[in-house]
Each structure stands twice: as structure tokens, then as C-alpha cells.
Amino acid sequence: MGNAAPALAIVYSAKAKRELDGIWDYNADFYNSAQHANEFVDFLRSEISSLAVDPERGKVIENNPKFRYLLMKWSTDGYGHIAVYRITKDTIRISRVFHTSQDLQNKMRHAARNELCIFGSQHAPNT
């Protein structure tokens, strides 16, 4: 049996949690279905959870290489959602979750600067 690396903990920022709540609200209203909203947010959380064992699955953000993003699509056509995260020694820190029609670069402009606010007053561990 191989020596697989242990799974990393997934930690959501308060902002990412609010964004997931907003995605749930939008889907429940748009589709008039709490069940659909639950299934869709469960899908997003499952995709994000997969980063615990494959953290480099997402792509590096070119102008901010400490961060990566994961594209998550419910179907093969149309839009999707993006989770922005940072890999630390023992965690995957989810900073943002948003629709692909939103501007990734604009959202990332403030992410690094606000990392202490996003994850609390402790210094973020080195990668």
C-alpha cells in the first residue's frame, strides 16, 4: 500500500459561508425548490471537499500565486462556480465561492490583503 498524504482540513471563511448561503437562496428562489438548492450546494461542497486529498487540483491564480481556484460545473455547458482557496501546511482555506459570471481578478484584488480578516487575527501559516 502506498504512502498517501493525509487529507487536509477544509476551512471556510465567513465570506465563503455567506456566499454559499447566497447561492442556496438564489437557487431556491430561481428554481422554486429548496431540494434543488440543497442538492446544488451539496454538489459545490463536495467538489470543494475533494481538495482535501487533491489540493493542487485547482489552477494557480497568475497574479496572486499563493491562491488557487477550482472551477465547479453542475453540467458541461453554461456557467459554473469558482472556489478560491489557499493551501497551507495542514488546511485548505476557502476564501470565496462565486458564480463564473463574476470577475475573478476583481475579487482576488482584495483577497490577499484581507486574508487576516477572512480567517481571523492569527497569521496565516506559510505554504
N, C-alpha and C. Protein backbone atom coordinates (compact mmCIF):
# COMPACT_ATOMS: atom_id res chain seq x y z
N MET A 1 0.84 -1.18 0.00
CA MET A 1 0.00 0.00 0.00
C MET A 1 0.89 1.24 0.00
N GLY A 2 0.57 2.26 -0.81
CA GLY A 2 1.37 3.48 -0.94
C GLY A 2 1.21 4.38 0.27
N ASN A 3 2.11 5.30 0.38
CA ASN A 3 2.06 6.29 1.46
C ASN A 3 1.30 7.51 0.98
N ALA A 4 0.00 7.47 1.08
CA ALA A 4 -0.83 8.61 0.66
C ALA A 4 -0.72 9.72 1.70
N ALA A 5 -0.67 10.93 1.22
CA ALA A 5 -0.63 12.08 2.13
C ALA A 5 -1.97 12.18 2.86
N PRO A 6 -1.94 12.58 4.13
CA PRO A 6 -3.20 12.70 4.87
C PRO A 6 -4.05 13.83 4.28
N ALA A 7 -5.35 13.66 4.40
CA ALA A 7 -6.27 14.68 3.91
C ALA A 7 -6.11 15.96 4.73
N LEU A 8 -6.19 17.08 4.06
CA LEU A 8 -6.12 18.37 4.72
C LEU A 8 -7.51 18.79 5.18
N ALA A 9 -7.56 19.58 6.23
CA ALA A 9 -8.84 20.10 6.71
C ALA A 9 -9.31 21.22 5.78
N ILE A 10 -10.61 21.27 5.54
CA ILE A 10 -11.20 22.35 4.76
C ILE A 10 -11.75 23.39 5.73
N VAL A 11 -11.32 24.65 5.57
CA VAL A 11 -11.76 25.74 6.44
C VAL A 11 -12.37 26.82 5.56
N TYR A 12 -13.64 27.13 5.80
CA TYR A 12 -14.34 28.17 5.03
C TYR A 12 -14.24 29.51 5.77
N SER A 13 -13.95 30.56 5.03
CA SER A 13 -14.02 31.90 5.61
C SER A 13 -15.49 32.24 5.85
N ALA A 14 -15.73 33.22 6.70
CA ALA A 14 -17.11 33.68 6.93
C ALA A 14 -17.71 34.18 5.61
N LYS A 15 -16.90 34.84 4.79
CA LYS A 15 -17.36 35.35 3.50
C LYS A 15 -17.79 34.20 2.59
N ALA A 16 -16.99 33.14 2.52
CA ALA A 16 -17.33 31.99 1.68
C ALA A 16 -18.61 31.32 2.17
N LYS A 17 -18.79 31.23 3.48
CA LYS A 17 -20.02 30.66 4.03
C LYS A 17 -21.23 31.50 3.62
N ARG A 18 -21.09 32.83 3.72
CA ARG A 18 -22.19 33.72 3.31
C ARG A 18 -22.47 33.57 1.81
N GLU A 19 -21.41 33.44 1.03
CA GLU A 19 -21.60 33.27 -0.41
C GLU A 19 -22.33 31.97 -0.72
N LEU A 20 -22.00 30.88 -0.03
CA LEU A 20 -22.72 29.62 -0.23
C LEU A 20 -24.19 29.77 0.18
N ASP A 21 -24.44 30.48 1.27
CA ASP A 21 -25.83 30.75 1.67
C ASP A 21 -26.56 31.53 0.58
N GLY A 22 -25.88 32.52 -0.01
CA GLY A 22 -26.48 33.30 -1.09
C GLY A 22 -26.76 32.46 -2.32
N ILE A 23 -25.86 31.54 -2.63
CA ILE A 23 -26.06 30.61 -3.76
C ILE A 23 -27.27 29.73 -3.48
N TRP A 24 -27.41 29.28 -2.24
CA TRP A 24 -28.58 28.47 -1.87
C TRP A 24 -29.85 29.30 -2.06
N ASP A 25 -29.85 30.53 -1.53
CA ASP A 25 -31.03 31.39 -1.64
C ASP A 25 -31.41 31.62 -3.10
N TYR A 26 -30.42 31.94 -3.92
CA TYR A 26 -30.69 32.20 -5.34
C TYR A 26 -31.32 30.98 -6.00
N ASN A 27 -30.73 29.80 -5.78
CA ASN A 27 -31.24 28.58 -6.40
C ASN A 27 -32.63 28.21 -5.89
N ALA A 28 -32.87 28.39 -4.60
CA ALA A 28 -34.19 28.09 -4.05
C ALA A 28 -35.24 29.00 -4.67
N ASP A 29 -34.91 30.29 -4.83
CA ASP A 29 -35.86 31.24 -5.44
C ASP A 29 -36.01 31.01 -6.93
N PHE A 30 -34.90 30.88 -7.65
CA PHE A 30 -34.94 30.78 -9.10
C PHE A 30 -35.67 29.50 -9.55
N TYR A 31 -35.38 28.39 -8.88
CA TYR A 31 -35.99 27.11 -9.25
C TYR A 31 -37.21 26.78 -8.41
N ASN A 32 -37.54 27.67 -7.47
CA ASN A 32 -38.68 27.45 -6.58
C ASN A 32 -38.59 26.07 -5.92
N SER A 33 -37.37 25.74 -5.45
CA SER A 33 -37.16 24.40 -4.92
C SER A 33 -36.02 24.40 -3.90
N ALA A 34 -36.37 24.17 -2.65
CA ALA A 34 -35.35 24.01 -1.61
C ALA A 34 -34.54 22.75 -1.88
N GLN A 35 -35.19 21.72 -2.41
CA GLN A 35 -34.48 20.47 -2.71
C GLN A 35 -33.38 20.71 -3.75
N HIS A 36 -33.72 21.46 -4.80
CA HIS A 36 -32.71 21.77 -5.81
C HIS A 36 -31.56 22.57 -5.19
N ALA A 37 -31.89 23.56 -4.38
CA ALA A 37 -30.87 24.38 -3.73
C ALA A 37 -29.97 23.52 -2.85
N ASN A 38 -30.55 22.61 -2.08
CA ASN A 38 -29.77 21.70 -1.23
C ASN A 38 -28.83 20.84 -2.07
N GLU A 39 -29.36 20.26 -3.15
CA GLU A 39 -28.55 19.39 -4.00
C GLU A 39 -27.40 20.17 -4.65
N PHE A 40 -27.68 21.38 -5.09
CA PHE A 40 -26.66 22.16 -5.77
C PHE A 40 -25.55 22.58 -4.80
N VAL A 41 -25.91 23.08 -3.64
CA VAL A 41 -24.90 23.49 -2.66
C VAL A 41 -24.14 22.26 -2.15
N ASP A 42 -24.82 21.12 -2.00
CA ASP A 42 -24.12 19.89 -1.63
C ASP A 42 -23.09 19.52 -2.70
N PHE A 43 -23.45 19.70 -3.97
CA PHE A 43 -22.52 19.44 -5.07
C PHE A 43 -21.28 20.35 -4.94
N LEU A 44 -21.50 21.64 -4.70
CA LEU A 44 -20.37 22.57 -4.55
C LEU A 44 -19.49 22.17 -3.37
N ARG A 45 -20.12 21.87 -2.24
CA ARG A 45 -19.35 21.47 -1.05
C ARG A 45 -18.56 20.18 -1.29
N SER A 46 -19.15 19.26 -2.03
CA SER A 46 -18.47 18.00 -2.35
C SER A 46 -17.24 18.26 -3.24
N GLU A 47 -17.41 19.12 -4.23
CA GLU A 47 -16.28 19.47 -5.09
C GLU A 47 -15.17 20.13 -4.27
N ILE A 48 -15.55 21.04 -3.39
CA ILE A 48 -14.57 21.72 -2.54
C ILE A 48 -13.90 20.72 -1.60
N SER A 49 -14.68 19.80 -1.04
CA SER A 49 -14.13 18.78 -0.13
C SER A 49 -13.10 17.90 -0.81
N SER A 50 -13.23 17.70 -2.13
CA SER A 50 -12.28 16.86 -2.85
C SER A 50 -10.87 17.47 -2.82
N LEU A 51 -10.78 18.77 -2.54
CA LEU A 51 -9.47 19.41 -2.44
C LEU A 51 -8.67 18.89 -1.25
N ALA A 52 -9.34 18.32 -0.27
CA ALA A 52 -8.66 17.82 0.93
C ALA A 52 -7.63 16.74 0.58
N VAL A 53 -7.91 15.96 -0.46
CA VAL A 53 -6.99 14.89 -0.86
C VAL A 53 -6.25 15.21 -2.15
N ASP A 54 -6.69 16.24 -2.85
CA ASP A 54 -6.03 16.64 -4.10
C ASP A 54 -5.98 18.17 -4.17
N PRO A 55 -5.23 18.80 -3.27
CA PRO A 55 -5.27 20.26 -3.14
C PRO A 55 -4.74 21.02 -4.36
N GLU A 56 -3.92 20.39 -5.16
CA GLU A 56 -3.37 21.07 -6.32
C GLU A 56 -4.23 20.90 -7.56
N ARG A 57 -5.41 20.35 -7.37
CA ARG A 57 -6.36 20.16 -8.47
C ARG A 57 -6.75 21.49 -9.11
N GLY A 58 -6.87 22.53 -8.31
CA GLY A 58 -7.23 23.84 -8.83
C GLY A 58 -6.05 24.50 -9.52
N LYS A 59 -6.34 25.54 -10.27
CA LYS A 59 -5.31 26.28 -11.00
C LYS A 59 -4.79 27.46 -10.19
N VAL A 60 -3.51 27.74 -10.35
CA VAL A 60 -2.88 28.88 -9.68
C VAL A 60 -3.42 30.17 -10.30
N ILE A 61 -3.68 31.16 -9.46
CA ILE A 61 -4.09 32.47 -9.93
C ILE A 61 -2.82 33.24 -10.28
N GLU A 62 -2.67 33.54 -11.55
CA GLU A 62 -1.41 34.08 -12.08
C GLU A 62 -0.88 35.29 -11.33
N ASN A 63 -1.71 36.28 -11.09
CA ASN A 63 -1.20 37.49 -10.44
C ASN A 63 -1.21 37.41 -8.92
N ASN A 64 -1.57 36.25 -8.39
CA ASN A 64 -1.57 36.05 -6.94
C ASN A 64 -1.32 34.56 -6.67
N PRO A 65 -0.09 34.07 -6.89
CA PRO A 65 0.18 32.64 -6.88
C PRO A 65 0.03 31.93 -5.53
N LYS A 66 -0.20 32.66 -4.46
CA LYS A 66 -0.49 31.99 -3.19
C LYS A 66 -1.89 31.38 -3.20
N PHE A 67 -2.71 31.83 -4.14
CA PHE A 67 -4.09 31.38 -4.24
C PHE A 67 -4.31 30.52 -5.48
N ARG A 68 -5.28 29.64 -5.37
CA ARG A 68 -5.71 28.78 -6.47
C ARG A 68 -7.21 28.93 -6.61
N TYR A 69 -7.72 28.48 -7.75
CA TYR A 69 -9.16 28.46 -7.92
C TYR A 69 -9.59 27.12 -8.51
N LEU A 70 -10.78 26.70 -8.13
CA LEU A 70 -11.36 25.46 -8.61
C LEU A 70 -12.65 25.82 -9.34
N LEU A 71 -12.73 25.43 -10.61
CA LEU A 71 -13.95 25.62 -11.38
C LEU A 71 -14.86 24.43 -11.15
N MET A 72 -16.11 24.72 -10.78
CA MET A 72 -17.09 23.67 -10.49
C MET A 72 -18.30 23.88 -11.39
N LYS A 73 -18.61 22.88 -12.20
CA LYS A 73 -19.75 22.98 -13.11
C LYS A 73 -20.70 21.82 -12.88
N TRP A 74 -21.97 22.15 -12.69
CA TRP A 74 -23.03 21.16 -12.48
C TRP A 74 -23.28 20.40 -13.78
N SER A 75 -23.16 21.11 -14.92
CA SER A 75 -23.33 20.47 -16.22
C SER A 75 -22.19 20.92 -17.13
N THR A 76 -22.07 20.27 -18.27
CA THR A 76 -20.94 20.56 -19.15
C THR A 76 -21.09 21.86 -19.92
N ASP A 77 -22.29 22.40 -20.01
CA ASP A 77 -22.47 23.65 -20.73
C ASP A 77 -22.84 24.77 -19.75
N GLY A 78 -22.73 25.97 -20.21
CA GLY A 78 -23.14 27.10 -19.39
C GLY A 78 -22.10 27.52 -18.37
N TYR A 79 -22.57 28.28 -17.40
CA TYR A 79 -21.71 28.83 -16.35
C TYR A 79 -21.43 27.81 -15.27
N GLY A 80 -20.59 28.20 -14.33
CA GLY A 80 -20.28 27.38 -13.18
C GLY A 80 -20.00 28.27 -11.99
N HIS A 81 -19.33 27.72 -11.01
CA HIS A 81 -18.93 28.47 -9.82
C HIS A 81 -17.44 28.26 -9.60
N ILE A 82 -16.85 29.20 -8.91
CA ILE A 82 -15.42 29.17 -8.61
C ILE A 82 -15.23 29.22 -7.10
N ALA A 83 -14.36 28.35 -6.60
CA ALA A 83 -13.92 28.42 -5.21
C ALA A 83 -12.47 28.90 -5.24
N VAL A 84 -12.19 29.97 -4.53
CA VAL A 84 -10.83 30.49 -4.41
C VAL A 84 -10.28 30.01 -3.07
N TYR A 85 -9.06 29.46 -3.10
CA TYR A 85 -8.51 28.88 -1.87
C TYR A 85 -7.01 29.04 -1.80
N ARG A 86 -6.51 28.78 -0.61
CA ARG A 86 -5.08 28.81 -0.35
C ARG A 86 -4.71 27.53 0.38
N ILE A 87 -3.63 26.91 -0.03
CA ILE A 87 -3.13 25.70 0.62
C ILE A 87 -2.14 26.11 1.69
N THR A 88 -2.36 25.66 2.91
CA THR A 88 -1.39 25.89 3.98
C THR A 88 -0.84 24.53 4.41
N LYS A 89 -0.07 24.52 5.45
CA LYS A 89 0.57 23.27 5.89
C LYS A 89 -0.44 22.15 6.15
N ASP A 90 -1.54 22.47 6.80
CA ASP A 90 -2.50 21.42 7.16
C ASP A 90 -3.95 21.75 6.83
N THR A 91 -4.19 22.82 6.05
CA THR A 91 -5.56 23.19 5.71
C THR A 91 -5.68 23.67 4.27
N ILE A 92 -6.89 23.61 3.80
CA ILE A 92 -7.30 24.29 2.58
C ILE A 92 -8.22 25.40 3.07
N ARG A 93 -7.83 26.63 2.85
CA ARG A 93 -8.60 27.79 3.32
C ARG A 93 -9.43 28.33 2.15
N ILE A 94 -10.72 28.14 2.23
CA ILE A 94 -11.63 28.60 1.18
C ILE A 94 -11.96 30.07 1.45
N SER A 95 -11.52 30.94 0.55
CA SER A 95 -11.72 32.38 0.73
C SER A 95 -13.02 32.86 0.15
N ARG A 96 -13.35 32.39 -1.05
CA ARG A 96 -14.51 32.89 -1.78
C ARG A 96 -15.16 31.75 -2.56
N VAL A 97 -16.46 31.86 -2.80
CA VAL A 97 -17.20 30.97 -3.69
C VAL A 97 -18.17 31.86 -4.45
N PHE A 98 -18.04 31.87 -5.78
CA PHE A 98 -18.89 32.77 -6.55
C PHE A 98 -19.13 32.25 -7.97
N HIS A 99 -20.10 32.83 -8.64
CA HIS A 99 -20.50 32.45 -9.99
C HIS A 99 -19.44 32.89 -10.99
N THR A 100 -19.25 32.11 -12.05
CA THR A 100 -18.23 32.42 -13.05
C THR A 100 -18.53 33.70 -13.83
N SER A 101 -19.75 34.18 -13.78
CA SER A 101 -20.05 35.43 -14.48
C SER A 101 -19.50 36.64 -13.72
N GLN A 102 -19.05 36.42 -12.49
CA GLN A 102 -18.45 37.48 -11.70
C GLN A 102 -16.96 37.57 -12.02
N ASP A 103 -16.35 38.67 -11.70
CA ASP A 103 -14.97 38.97 -12.08
C ASP A 103 -13.97 38.40 -11.07
N LEU A 104 -13.28 37.33 -11.45
CA LEU A 104 -12.30 36.68 -10.58
C LEU A 104 -11.19 37.64 -10.18
N GLN A 105 -10.62 38.37 -11.13
CA GLN A 105 -9.49 39.25 -10.83
C GLN A 105 -9.90 40.35 -9.85
N ASN A 106 -11.09 40.89 -10.02
CA ASN A 106 -11.57 41.92 -9.11
C ASN A 106 -11.74 41.36 -7.70
N LYS A 107 -12.29 40.17 -7.60
CA LYS A 107 -12.49 39.55 -6.29
C LYS A 107 -11.17 39.21 -5.62
N MET A 108 -10.16 38.84 -6.43
CA MET A 108 -8.86 38.47 -5.87
C MET A 108 -8.03 39.69 -5.49
N ARG A 109 -8.35 40.83 -6.05
CA ARG A 109 -7.57 42.04 -5.79
C ARG A 109 -7.44 42.30 -4.29
N HIS A 110 -8.49 41.96 -3.55
CA HIS A 110 -8.51 42.25 -2.11
C HIS A 110 -8.28 41.00 -1.25
N ALA A 111 -8.25 39.82 -1.84
CA ALA A 111 -8.19 38.58 -1.05
C ALA A 111 -6.91 38.48 -0.23
N ALA A 112 -5.77 38.67 -0.84
CA ALA A 112 -4.51 38.53 -0.11
C ALA A 112 -4.40 39.57 0.99
N ARG A 113 -4.78 40.79 0.68
CA ARG A 113 -4.71 41.88 1.65
C ARG A 113 -5.63 41.63 2.84
N ASN A 114 -6.75 40.97 2.58
CA ASN A 114 -7.75 40.76 3.62
C ASN A 114 -7.67 39.39 4.27
N GLU A 115 -6.63 38.61 3.97
CA GLU A 115 -6.60 37.24 4.48
C GLU A 115 -6.70 37.19 6.00
N LEU A 116 -6.07 38.11 6.72
CA LEU A 116 -6.17 38.09 8.17
C LEU A 116 -7.61 38.35 8.61
N CYS A 117 -8.31 39.21 7.92
CA CYS A 117 -9.71 39.47 8.25
C CYS A 117 -10.58 38.27 7.91
N ILE A 118 -10.26 37.61 6.80
CA ILE A 118 -11.06 36.47 6.36
C ILE A 118 -10.95 35.32 7.35
N PHE A 119 -9.75 35.04 7.84
CA PHE A 119 -9.53 33.86 8.67
C PHE A 119 -9.24 34.17 10.13
N GLY A 120 -9.42 35.37 10.56
CA GLY A 120 -9.20 35.71 11.95
C GLY A 120 -7.89 36.45 12.15
N SER A 121 -7.58 36.71 13.38
CA SER A 121 -6.44 37.57 13.69
C SER A 121 -5.10 36.86 13.67
N GLN A 122 -5.10 35.53 13.61
CA GLN A 122 -3.82 34.82 13.58
C GLN A 122 -3.17 34.96 12.22
N HIS A 123 -1.87 34.94 12.20
CA HIS A 123 -1.16 34.97 10.91
C HIS A 123 -1.41 33.66 10.19
N ALA A 124 -1.61 33.76 8.90
CA ALA A 124 -1.81 32.57 8.10
C ALA A 124 -0.51 31.77 8.06
N PRO A 125 -0.59 30.44 8.18
CA PRO A 125 0.62 29.64 8.11
C PRO A 125 1.26 29.75 6.73
N ASN A 126 2.54 29.53 6.68
CA ASN A 126 3.24 29.53 5.39
C ASN A 126 2.84 28.32 4.60
N THR A 127 2.89 28.47 3.28
CA THR A 127 2.57 27.32 2.43
C THR A 127 3.77 26.45 2.26
